[in-house]
């Protein structure tokens, strides 16, 4: 991804490449964003909130995010717009600005994929645990459970970080009923 400007949607959740996320859209700035994205066929960026809230005043987004592509629309039981997005390429926010309507626009540049290596021996039980969690929570495996035995290179410190990096099941971290404290 070359350097370009995209709308940013700061959330208290992380969208991982290859995972899906359902969103409730009710603020005017995001309704406008979704309309523009649907019209142009372009996506928007999802970033973790570093400071602020999901609704109301514009939040400060993290410097790294994931490109979101809208794959489905529906009207939710409460009458709000629901969309489903799929995570694409990761990016780094070079700088950002806030439009008059409160929408955060980021100038972003692509973030390279990390190499994939076997799960270290000390975490060899994690693939089985993640498979079990997925079975119990009803999650589907996009690429099959065999792919859970690899993870991007990086230092792993504790279950939360290891879970975050295991692929393709990383979305279990934010979908899991297990409370994450920290």
N, C-alpha and C. Protein backbone atom coordinates (compact mmCIF):
# COMPACT_ATOMS: atom_id res chain seq x y z
N UNK A 1 0.85 -1.17 0.00
CA UNK A 1 0.00 0.00 0.00
C UNK A 1 0.90 1.24 0.00
N UNK A 2 0.70 2.07 -1.00
CA UNK A 2 1.43 3.33 -1.05
C UNK A 2 0.83 4.30 -0.04
N UNK A 3 1.49 5.40 0.18
CA UNK A 3 0.98 6.41 1.10
C UNK A 3 -0.30 7.00 0.50
N UNK A 4 -1.36 7.05 1.32
CA UNK A 4 -2.62 7.62 0.87
C UNK A 4 -3.45 8.03 2.08
N UNK A 5 -4.51 8.79 1.83
CA UNK A 5 -5.40 9.21 2.90
C UNK A 5 -6.63 8.32 2.93
N UNK A 6 -7.00 7.90 4.14
CA UNK A 6 -8.21 7.10 4.33
C UNK A 6 -8.92 7.58 5.59
N UNK A 7 -10.24 7.38 5.65
CA UNK A 7 -10.94 7.67 6.90
C UNK A 7 -10.56 6.62 7.94
N UNK A 8 -10.45 7.05 9.20
CA UNK A 8 -10.11 6.13 10.29
C UNK A 8 -11.30 5.97 11.22
N UNK A 9 -11.51 4.74 11.67
CA UNK A 9 -12.59 4.41 12.59
C UNK A 9 -11.93 3.88 13.86
N UNK A 10 -11.66 4.75 14.85
CA UNK A 10 -11.05 4.29 16.09
C UNK A 10 -12.05 3.48 16.92
N UNK A 11 -11.62 2.31 17.40
CA UNK A 11 -12.49 1.41 18.17
C UNK A 11 -11.77 0.89 19.41
N UNK A 12 -12.54 0.33 20.32
CA UNK A 12 -11.98 -0.37 21.47
C UNK A 12 -11.77 -1.84 21.15
N UNK A 13 -11.72 -2.17 19.88
CA UNK A 13 -11.47 -3.54 19.41
C UNK A 13 -10.44 -3.45 18.28
N UNK A 14 -9.80 -4.56 18.00
CA UNK A 14 -8.80 -4.61 16.94
C UNK A 14 -9.34 -5.48 15.80
N UNK A 15 -9.17 -5.01 14.59
CA UNK A 15 -9.52 -5.80 13.41
C UNK A 15 -8.22 -6.39 12.88
N UNK A 16 -8.15 -7.72 12.83
CA UNK A 16 -6.96 -8.39 12.33
C UNK A 16 -7.12 -8.68 10.85
N UNK A 17 -6.01 -8.69 10.09
CA UNK A 17 -6.09 -9.06 8.68
C UNK A 17 -6.74 -10.44 8.53
N UNK A 18 -7.71 -10.53 7.62
CA UNK A 18 -8.38 -11.80 7.37
C UNK A 18 -9.56 -12.08 8.29
N UNK A 19 -9.76 -11.28 9.32
CA UNK A 19 -10.89 -11.53 10.23
C UNK A 19 -12.06 -10.61 9.86
N UNK A 20 -13.22 -10.88 10.43
CA UNK A 20 -14.39 -10.06 10.18
C UNK A 20 -14.83 -9.38 11.47
N UNK A 21 -15.52 -8.28 11.30
CA UNK A 21 -15.99 -7.50 12.44
C UNK A 21 -17.33 -6.88 12.07
N UNK A 22 -18.31 -7.00 12.96
CA UNK A 22 -19.60 -6.36 12.77
C UNK A 22 -19.62 -5.03 13.49
N UNK A 23 -20.13 -4.00 12.85
CA UNK A 23 -20.17 -2.66 13.43
C UNK A 23 -21.58 -2.08 13.36
N UNK A 24 -21.96 -1.37 14.41
CA UNK A 24 -23.22 -0.60 14.46
C UNK A 24 -22.86 0.84 14.13
N UNK A 25 -23.48 1.38 13.10
CA UNK A 25 -23.16 2.72 12.64
C UNK A 25 -24.33 3.64 12.99
N UNK A 26 -24.06 4.68 13.79
CA UNK A 26 -25.14 5.58 14.18
C UNK A 26 -24.73 7.05 14.19
N UNK A 27 -23.45 7.36 14.23
CA UNK A 27 -23.03 8.75 14.21
C UNK A 27 -22.97 9.24 12.76
N UNK A 28 -23.37 10.51 12.56
CA UNK A 28 -23.44 11.09 11.21
C UNK A 28 -22.10 10.97 10.48
N UNK A 29 -20.99 11.21 11.17
CA UNK A 29 -19.68 11.15 10.51
C UNK A 29 -19.40 9.76 9.95
N UNK A 30 -19.81 8.70 10.66
CA UNK A 30 -19.56 7.35 10.19
C UNK A 30 -20.59 6.91 9.15
N UNK A 31 -21.82 7.42 9.24
CA UNK A 31 -22.81 7.15 8.19
C UNK A 31 -22.31 7.75 6.87
N UNK A 32 -21.78 8.98 6.94
CA UNK A 32 -21.20 9.60 5.74
C UNK A 32 -20.02 8.80 5.22
N UNK A 33 -19.17 8.32 6.13
CA UNK A 33 -17.99 7.54 5.75
C UNK A 33 -18.40 6.26 5.03
N UNK A 34 -19.37 5.55 5.61
CA UNK A 34 -19.84 4.29 5.00
C UNK A 34 -20.44 4.57 3.62
N UNK A 35 -21.23 5.62 3.50
CA UNK A 35 -21.83 5.98 2.21
C UNK A 35 -20.74 6.24 1.17
N UNK A 36 -19.72 7.02 1.55
CA UNK A 36 -18.62 7.34 0.63
C UNK A 36 -17.83 6.08 0.26
N UNK A 37 -17.55 5.23 1.24
CA UNK A 37 -16.81 3.99 0.97
C UNK A 37 -17.60 3.08 0.04
N UNK A 38 -18.92 2.97 0.26
CA UNK A 38 -19.76 2.13 -0.60
C UNK A 38 -19.81 2.70 -2.02
N UNK A 39 -19.90 4.00 -2.13
CA UNK A 39 -19.97 4.65 -3.44
C UNK A 39 -18.66 4.49 -4.21
N UNK A 40 -17.53 4.66 -3.52
CA UNK A 40 -16.22 4.65 -4.18
C UNK A 40 -15.59 3.26 -4.27
N UNK A 41 -16.11 2.32 -3.47
CA UNK A 41 -15.51 0.98 -3.47
C UNK A 41 -14.23 0.90 -2.66
N UNK A 42 -13.92 1.95 -1.91
CA UNK A 42 -12.71 1.96 -1.08
C UNK A 42 -13.06 1.61 0.36
N UNK A 43 -12.06 1.25 1.11
CA UNK A 43 -12.27 0.91 2.51
C UNK A 43 -11.92 2.05 3.43
N UNK A 44 -11.86 1.72 4.71
CA UNK A 44 -11.48 2.67 5.74
C UNK A 44 -10.57 1.94 6.72
N UNK A 45 -9.92 2.69 7.57
CA UNK A 45 -8.99 2.09 8.51
C UNK A 45 -9.61 1.90 9.88
N UNK A 46 -9.33 0.76 10.50
CA UNK A 46 -9.74 0.51 11.88
C UNK A 46 -8.49 0.54 12.74
N UNK A 47 -8.51 1.40 13.76
CA UNK A 47 -7.39 1.54 14.68
C UNK A 47 -7.90 1.43 16.11
N UNK A 48 -7.09 0.90 16.98
CA UNK A 48 -7.41 0.85 18.40
C UNK A 48 -7.41 2.27 18.96
N UNK A 49 -8.34 2.56 19.86
CA UNK A 49 -8.38 3.87 20.51
C UNK A 49 -7.27 3.95 21.55
N UNK A 50 -6.46 4.98 21.44
CA UNK A 50 -5.40 5.22 22.43
C UNK A 50 -5.89 6.18 23.51
N UNK A 51 -6.79 7.10 23.13
CA UNK A 51 -7.32 8.06 24.09
C UNK A 51 -8.68 8.51 23.58
N UNK A 52 -9.67 8.52 24.46
CA UNK A 52 -11.01 8.95 24.10
C UNK A 52 -11.99 7.79 24.12
N UNK A 53 -13.15 8.04 23.52
CA UNK A 53 -14.25 7.07 23.50
C UNK A 53 -14.66 6.75 22.07
N UNK A 54 -15.41 5.66 21.89
CA UNK A 54 -15.87 5.29 20.56
C UNK A 54 -16.89 6.28 20.01
N UNK A 55 -17.73 6.84 20.85
CA UNK A 55 -18.76 7.77 20.40
C UNK A 55 -18.51 9.15 20.99
N UNK A 56 -18.98 10.16 20.29
CA UNK A 56 -18.81 11.52 20.78
C UNK A 56 -17.62 12.21 20.13
N UNK A 57 -16.82 12.87 20.94
CA UNK A 57 -15.64 13.58 20.43
C UNK A 57 -14.69 12.64 19.69
N UNK A 58 -13.98 13.11 18.66
CA UNK A 58 -13.03 12.25 17.95
C UNK A 58 -11.98 11.67 18.90
N UNK A 59 -11.72 10.38 18.77
CA UNK A 59 -10.74 9.69 19.61
C UNK A 59 -9.38 9.70 18.95
N UNK A 60 -8.34 9.56 19.76
CA UNK A 60 -6.98 9.46 19.26
C UNK A 60 -6.72 8.02 18.85
N UNK A 61 -6.48 7.75 17.55
CA UNK A 61 -6.24 6.37 17.10
C UNK A 61 -4.79 5.95 17.29
N UNK A 62 -4.59 4.64 17.42
CA UNK A 62 -3.24 4.08 17.47
C UNK A 62 -2.54 4.33 16.14
N UNK A 63 -1.23 4.23 16.13
CA UNK A 63 -0.45 4.50 14.93
C UNK A 63 -0.46 3.36 13.92
N UNK A 64 -0.98 2.20 14.31
CA UNK A 64 -1.06 1.04 13.41
C UNK A 64 -2.51 0.58 13.36
N UNK A 65 -2.96 0.24 12.17
CA UNK A 65 -4.34 -0.21 12.00
C UNK A 65 -4.45 -1.20 10.86
N UNK A 66 -5.69 -1.54 10.53
CA UNK A 66 -5.98 -2.50 9.47
C UNK A 66 -7.01 -1.90 8.53
N UNK A 67 -6.79 -2.08 7.23
CA UNK A 67 -7.74 -1.62 6.24
C UNK A 67 -8.98 -2.50 6.29
N UNK A 68 -10.16 -1.89 6.38
CA UNK A 68 -11.42 -2.61 6.45
C UNK A 68 -12.18 -2.46 5.14
N UNK A 69 -12.66 -3.58 4.61
CA UNK A 69 -13.50 -3.56 3.42
C UNK A 69 -14.91 -3.97 3.82
N UNK A 70 -15.90 -3.19 3.42
CA UNK A 70 -17.28 -3.50 3.75
C UNK A 70 -17.74 -4.67 2.89
N UNK A 71 -18.24 -5.73 3.54
CA UNK A 71 -18.69 -6.91 2.81
C UNK A 71 -20.19 -7.12 2.91
N UNK A 72 -20.87 -6.46 3.87
CA UNK A 72 -22.32 -6.64 4.01
C UNK A 72 -22.92 -5.47 4.79
N UNK A 73 -24.18 -5.17 4.48
CA UNK A 73 -24.96 -4.14 5.17
C UNK A 73 -26.25 -4.79 5.65
N UNK A 74 -26.80 -4.30 6.74
CA UNK A 74 -28.14 -4.69 7.14
C UNK A 74 -28.71 -3.67 8.11
N UNK A 75 -30.01 -3.74 8.31
CA UNK A 75 -30.67 -2.90 9.30
C UNK A 75 -30.82 -3.74 10.56
N UNK A 76 -30.28 -3.25 11.66
CA UNK A 76 -30.31 -3.99 12.92
C UNK A 76 -31.70 -3.88 13.56
N UNK A 77 -32.03 -4.77 14.49
CA UNK A 77 -33.35 -4.73 15.14
C UNK A 77 -33.68 -3.37 15.77
N UNK A 78 -32.66 -2.63 16.20
CA UNK A 78 -32.91 -1.31 16.80
C UNK A 78 -33.01 -0.20 15.74
N UNK A 79 -32.98 -0.58 14.45
CA UNK A 79 -33.12 0.38 13.36
C UNK A 79 -31.82 1.00 12.88
N UNK A 80 -30.71 0.71 13.57
CA UNK A 80 -29.42 1.27 13.17
C UNK A 80 -28.84 0.49 11.99
N UNK A 81 -27.89 1.12 11.30
CA UNK A 81 -27.19 0.48 10.21
C UNK A 81 -26.14 -0.48 10.78
N UNK A 82 -26.15 -1.69 10.31
CA UNK A 82 -25.12 -2.66 10.67
C UNK A 82 -24.28 -2.96 9.44
N UNK A 83 -22.97 -3.02 9.62
CA UNK A 83 -22.10 -3.42 8.51
C UNK A 83 -21.16 -4.51 9.01
N UNK A 84 -20.75 -5.35 8.07
CA UNK A 84 -19.70 -6.33 8.34
C UNK A 84 -18.51 -5.95 7.49
N UNK A 85 -17.33 -5.97 8.12
CA UNK A 85 -16.11 -5.64 7.40
C UNK A 85 -15.12 -6.79 7.52
N UNK A 86 -14.25 -6.87 6.55
CA UNK A 86 -13.16 -7.84 6.56
C UNK A 86 -11.84 -7.08 6.62
N UNK A 87 -10.93 -7.56 7.46
CA UNK A 87 -9.62 -6.93 7.59
C UNK A 87 -8.71 -7.27 6.43
N UNK A 88 -8.05 -6.25 5.92
CA UNK A 88 -7.11 -6.43 4.82
C UNK A 88 -5.69 -6.13 5.29
N UNK A 89 -5.01 -5.30 4.54
CA UNK A 89 -3.62 -4.97 4.83
C UNK A 89 -3.51 -4.10 6.08
N UNK A 90 -2.41 -4.26 6.79
CA UNK A 90 -2.13 -3.39 7.94
C UNK A 90 -1.44 -2.13 7.42
N UNK A 91 -1.55 -1.07 8.21
CA UNK A 91 -0.93 0.19 7.82
C UNK A 91 -0.41 0.92 9.05
N UNK A 92 0.44 1.91 8.79
CA UNK A 92 0.93 2.80 9.83
C UNK A 92 0.43 4.21 9.51
N UNK A 93 -0.12 4.87 10.51
CA UNK A 93 -0.62 6.23 10.34
C UNK A 93 0.58 7.18 10.43
N UNK A 94 0.83 7.91 9.35
CA UNK A 94 1.92 8.87 9.30
C UNK A 94 1.53 10.18 9.99
N UNK A 95 0.29 10.62 9.72
CA UNK A 95 -0.26 11.81 10.37
C UNK A 95 -1.78 11.75 10.20
N UNK A 96 -2.48 12.51 11.02
CA UNK A 96 -3.94 12.50 10.93
C UNK A 96 -4.48 13.91 11.14
N UNK A 97 -5.71 14.10 10.70
CA UNK A 97 -6.40 15.37 10.86
C UNK A 97 -7.87 15.05 11.10
N UNK A 98 -8.59 16.03 11.61
CA UNK A 98 -10.00 15.84 11.91
C UNK A 98 -10.82 16.76 11.02
N UNK A 99 -11.75 16.16 10.27
CA UNK A 99 -12.65 16.96 9.43
C UNK A 99 -13.63 17.73 10.32
N UNK A 100 -14.31 18.68 9.74
CA UNK A 100 -15.29 19.49 10.45
C UNK A 100 -16.40 18.66 11.09
N UNK A 101 -16.73 17.51 10.48
CA UNK A 101 -17.79 16.66 11.02
C UNK A 101 -17.29 15.70 12.10
N UNK A 102 -15.98 15.78 12.43
CA UNK A 102 -15.41 14.93 13.47
C UNK A 102 -14.78 13.65 12.97
N UNK A 103 -14.85 13.38 11.66
CA UNK A 103 -14.24 12.17 11.11
C UNK A 103 -12.72 12.33 11.07
N UNK A 104 -12.01 11.32 11.59
CA UNK A 104 -10.55 11.35 11.57
C UNK A 104 -10.07 10.81 10.22
N UNK A 105 -9.20 11.56 9.56
CA UNK A 105 -8.60 11.15 8.29
C UNK A 105 -7.12 10.92 8.55
N UNK A 106 -6.63 9.77 8.11
CA UNK A 106 -5.22 9.47 8.31
C UNK A 106 -4.46 9.34 7.01
N UNK A 107 -3.26 9.86 7.01
CA UNK A 107 -2.34 9.61 5.91
C UNK A 107 -1.59 8.36 6.32
N UNK A 108 -1.77 7.28 5.56
CA UNK A 108 -1.24 5.98 5.97
C UNK A 108 -0.28 5.41 4.93
N UNK A 109 0.56 4.53 5.41
CA UNK A 109 1.50 3.79 4.55
C UNK A 109 1.44 2.32 4.96
N UNK A 110 1.58 1.43 4.01
CA UNK A 110 1.50 -0.01 4.27
C UNK A 110 2.49 -0.48 5.32
N UNK A 111 2.07 -1.48 6.08
CA UNK A 111 2.91 -2.12 7.10
C UNK A 111 3.24 -3.50 6.58
N UNK A 112 4.52 -3.87 6.47
CA UNK A 112 4.86 -5.17 5.88
C UNK A 112 4.37 -6.35 6.73
N UNK A 113 4.01 -7.43 6.04
CA UNK A 113 3.65 -8.66 6.74
C UNK A 113 4.87 -9.21 7.44
N UNK A 114 4.62 -9.85 8.58
CA UNK A 114 5.71 -10.47 9.33
C UNK A 114 5.92 -11.89 8.84
N UNK A 115 7.15 -12.40 8.89
CA UNK A 115 7.37 -13.79 8.48
C UNK A 115 6.63 -14.74 9.43
N UNK A 116 6.22 -15.87 8.92
CA UNK A 116 5.50 -16.85 9.72
C UNK A 116 6.45 -17.99 10.06
N UNK A 117 6.45 -18.38 11.35
CA UNK A 117 7.33 -19.46 11.83
C UNK A 117 6.51 -20.41 12.69
N UNK A 118 7.02 -21.62 12.94
CA UNK A 118 6.29 -22.54 13.82
C UNK A 118 6.12 -21.97 15.22
N UNK A 119 5.05 -22.36 15.90
CA UNK A 119 4.82 -21.96 17.28
C UNK A 119 5.97 -22.51 18.13
N UNK A 120 6.58 -21.67 18.98
CA UNK A 120 7.67 -22.15 19.82
C UNK A 120 7.21 -23.30 20.74
N UNK A 121 8.13 -24.17 21.07
CA UNK A 121 7.84 -25.35 21.87
C UNK A 121 7.13 -25.00 23.17
N UNK A 122 7.55 -23.92 23.84
CA UNK A 122 6.94 -23.57 25.12
C UNK A 122 5.47 -23.18 24.99
N UNK A 123 4.99 -22.92 23.76
CA UNK A 123 3.58 -22.58 23.53
C UNK A 123 2.89 -23.64 22.68
N UNK A 124 3.41 -24.85 22.67
CA UNK A 124 2.89 -25.90 21.79
C UNK A 124 1.46 -26.31 22.12
N UNK A 125 0.97 -26.03 23.32
CA UNK A 125 -0.42 -26.37 23.66
C UNK A 125 -1.42 -25.33 23.13
N UNK A 126 -0.94 -24.16 22.77
CA UNK A 126 -1.85 -23.11 22.33
C UNK A 126 -2.71 -23.48 21.12
N UNK A 127 -2.17 -24.12 20.09
CA UNK A 127 -3.06 -24.48 18.97
C UNK A 127 -4.24 -25.33 19.41
N UNK A 128 -4.02 -26.29 20.29
CA UNK A 128 -5.12 -27.14 20.76
C UNK A 128 -6.11 -26.32 21.59
N UNK A 129 -5.60 -25.42 22.42
CA UNK A 129 -6.47 -24.57 23.24
C UNK A 129 -7.31 -23.66 22.35
N UNK A 130 -6.68 -23.07 21.35
CA UNK A 130 -7.41 -22.18 20.45
C UNK A 130 -8.45 -22.93 19.63
N UNK A 131 -8.12 -24.14 19.18
CA UNK A 131 -9.10 -24.95 18.46
C UNK A 131 -10.30 -25.23 19.35
N UNK A 132 -10.05 -25.57 20.60
CA UNK A 132 -11.12 -25.87 21.55
C UNK A 132 -11.98 -24.62 21.81
N UNK A 133 -11.34 -23.47 22.00
CA UNK A 133 -12.08 -22.21 22.19
C UNK A 133 -12.96 -21.92 20.98
N UNK A 134 -12.41 -22.13 19.80
CA UNK A 134 -13.18 -21.87 18.58
C UNK A 134 -14.38 -22.81 18.49
N UNK A 135 -14.18 -24.08 18.82
CA UNK A 135 -15.29 -25.05 18.80
C UNK A 135 -16.38 -24.63 19.78
N UNK A 136 -15.98 -24.26 20.99
CA UNK A 136 -16.96 -23.91 22.02
C UNK A 136 -17.68 -22.60 21.74
N UNK A 137 -17.01 -21.68 21.05
CA UNK A 137 -17.64 -20.39 20.78
C UNK A 137 -18.36 -20.36 19.44
N UNK A 138 -18.23 -21.45 18.65
CA UNK A 138 -18.91 -21.52 17.37
C UNK A 138 -18.22 -20.75 16.26
N UNK A 139 -16.97 -20.35 16.44
CA UNK A 139 -16.25 -19.63 15.39
C UNK A 139 -15.88 -20.58 14.26
N UNK A 140 -15.91 -20.07 13.04
CA UNK A 140 -15.48 -20.88 11.92
C UNK A 140 -14.02 -20.59 11.62
N UNK A 141 -13.34 -21.57 11.11
CA UNK A 141 -11.92 -21.42 10.77
C UNK A 141 -11.81 -21.15 9.29
N UNK A 142 -11.40 -19.94 8.94
CA UNK A 142 -11.31 -19.55 7.53
C UNK A 142 -10.31 -20.42 6.76
N UNK A 143 -9.15 -20.66 7.34
CA UNK A 143 -8.10 -21.40 6.64
C UNK A 143 -7.84 -22.78 7.21
N UNK A 144 -8.67 -23.24 8.10
CA UNK A 144 -8.52 -24.57 8.68
C UNK A 144 -7.61 -24.57 9.88
N UNK A 145 -7.88 -25.47 10.85
CA UNK A 145 -7.10 -25.49 12.09
C UNK A 145 -5.63 -25.79 11.90
N UNK A 146 -5.24 -26.39 10.79
CA UNK A 146 -3.83 -26.71 10.60
C UNK A 146 -2.98 -25.45 10.59
N UNK A 147 -3.55 -24.33 10.17
CA UNK A 147 -2.79 -23.08 10.09
C UNK A 147 -2.54 -22.44 11.45
N UNK A 148 -3.13 -22.97 12.50
CA UNK A 148 -2.95 -22.39 13.83
C UNK A 148 -1.56 -22.69 14.37
N UNK A 149 -0.84 -23.59 13.76
CA UNK A 149 0.46 -23.98 14.28
C UNK A 149 1.58 -23.05 13.86
N UNK A 150 1.25 -21.95 13.22
CA UNK A 150 2.28 -20.97 12.86
C UNK A 150 1.93 -19.62 13.45
N UNK A 151 2.95 -18.80 13.60
CA UNK A 151 2.73 -17.45 14.13
C UNK A 151 3.79 -16.52 13.59
N UNK A 152 3.46 -15.22 13.44
CA UNK A 152 4.47 -14.27 13.00
C UNK A 152 5.60 -14.16 14.03
N UNK A 153 6.77 -13.84 13.53
CA UNK A 153 7.93 -13.69 14.40
C UNK A 153 7.68 -12.51 15.35
N UNK A 154 8.13 -12.64 16.58
CA UNK A 154 7.98 -11.57 17.56
C UNK A 154 8.16 -12.14 18.94
N UNK A 155 8.56 -11.33 19.87
CA UNK A 155 8.71 -11.83 21.22
C UNK A 155 7.33 -12.05 21.81
N UNK A 156 7.15 -13.16 22.46
CA UNK A 156 5.87 -13.52 23.02
C UNK A 156 5.99 -13.49 24.53
N UNK A 157 5.16 -12.67 25.16
CA UNK A 157 5.20 -12.60 26.61
C UNK A 157 3.80 -12.78 27.15
N UNK A 158 3.48 -13.99 27.50
CA UNK A 158 2.19 -14.26 28.12
C UNK A 158 1.13 -14.64 27.12
N UNK A 159 0.05 -15.19 27.66
CA UNK A 159 -1.06 -15.70 26.85
C UNK A 159 -1.66 -14.63 25.95
N UNK A 160 -1.89 -13.42 26.47
CA UNK A 160 -2.57 -12.41 25.68
C UNK A 160 -1.78 -12.07 24.42
N UNK A 161 -0.48 -11.84 24.55
CA UNK A 161 0.32 -11.51 23.37
C UNK A 161 0.45 -12.70 22.44
N UNK A 162 0.59 -13.89 22.98
CA UNK A 162 0.72 -15.05 22.12
C UNK A 162 -0.58 -15.26 21.34
N UNK A 163 -1.69 -15.12 22.03
CA UNK A 163 -2.98 -15.26 21.38
C UNK A 163 -3.12 -14.22 20.27
N UNK A 164 -2.64 -13.01 20.52
CA UNK A 164 -2.76 -11.95 19.54
C UNK A 164 -2.04 -12.30 18.25
N UNK A 165 -0.93 -13.02 18.35
CA UNK A 165 -0.13 -13.28 17.15
C UNK A 165 -0.43 -14.61 16.47
N UNK A 166 -1.13 -15.51 17.09
CA UNK A 166 -1.38 -16.80 16.45
C UNK A 166 -2.32 -16.58 15.27
N UNK A 167 -2.00 -17.18 14.14
CA UNK A 167 -2.80 -17.00 12.94
C UNK A 167 -3.44 -18.31 12.52
N UNK A 168 -4.60 -18.34 11.88
CA UNK A 168 -5.49 -17.23 11.56
C UNK A 168 -6.49 -16.95 12.67
N UNK A 169 -6.29 -17.50 13.82
CA UNK A 169 -7.29 -17.44 14.88
C UNK A 169 -7.15 -16.23 15.78
N UNK A 170 -6.39 -15.25 15.38
CA UNK A 170 -6.17 -14.09 16.25
C UNK A 170 -7.46 -13.41 16.63
N UNK A 171 -8.48 -13.51 15.78
CA UNK A 171 -9.73 -12.84 16.11
C UNK A 171 -10.40 -13.46 17.33
N UNK A 172 -9.98 -14.62 17.76
CA UNK A 172 -10.53 -15.21 18.97
C UNK A 172 -10.30 -14.29 20.16
N UNK A 173 -9.20 -13.56 20.17
CA UNK A 173 -8.89 -12.70 21.31
C UNK A 173 -10.00 -11.71 21.59
N UNK A 174 -10.54 -11.08 20.58
CA UNK A 174 -11.57 -10.09 20.84
C UNK A 174 -12.96 -10.69 20.84
N UNK A 175 -13.14 -11.90 20.31
CA UNK A 175 -14.45 -12.54 20.29
C UNK A 175 -14.65 -13.47 21.48
N UNK A 176 -13.58 -13.83 22.12
CA UNK A 176 -13.67 -14.81 23.19
C UNK A 176 -14.43 -14.28 24.39
N UNK A 177 -15.20 -15.18 25.05
CA UNK A 177 -15.91 -14.74 26.26
C UNK A 177 -14.96 -14.62 27.45
N UNK A 178 -13.70 -14.97 27.28
CA UNK A 178 -12.73 -14.87 28.36
C UNK A 178 -12.42 -13.40 28.60
N UNK A 179 -12.56 -12.90 29.84
CA UNK A 179 -12.25 -11.48 30.09
C UNK A 179 -10.75 -11.25 30.01
N UNK A 180 -10.36 -10.17 29.34
CA UNK A 180 -8.96 -9.79 29.25
C UNK A 180 -8.73 -8.63 30.21
N UNK A 181 -7.96 -8.85 31.23
CA UNK A 181 -7.69 -7.80 32.21
C UNK A 181 -6.28 -7.29 32.00
N UNK A 182 -6.15 -6.12 31.44
CA UNK A 182 -4.83 -5.55 31.26
C UNK A 182 -4.58 -4.94 29.95
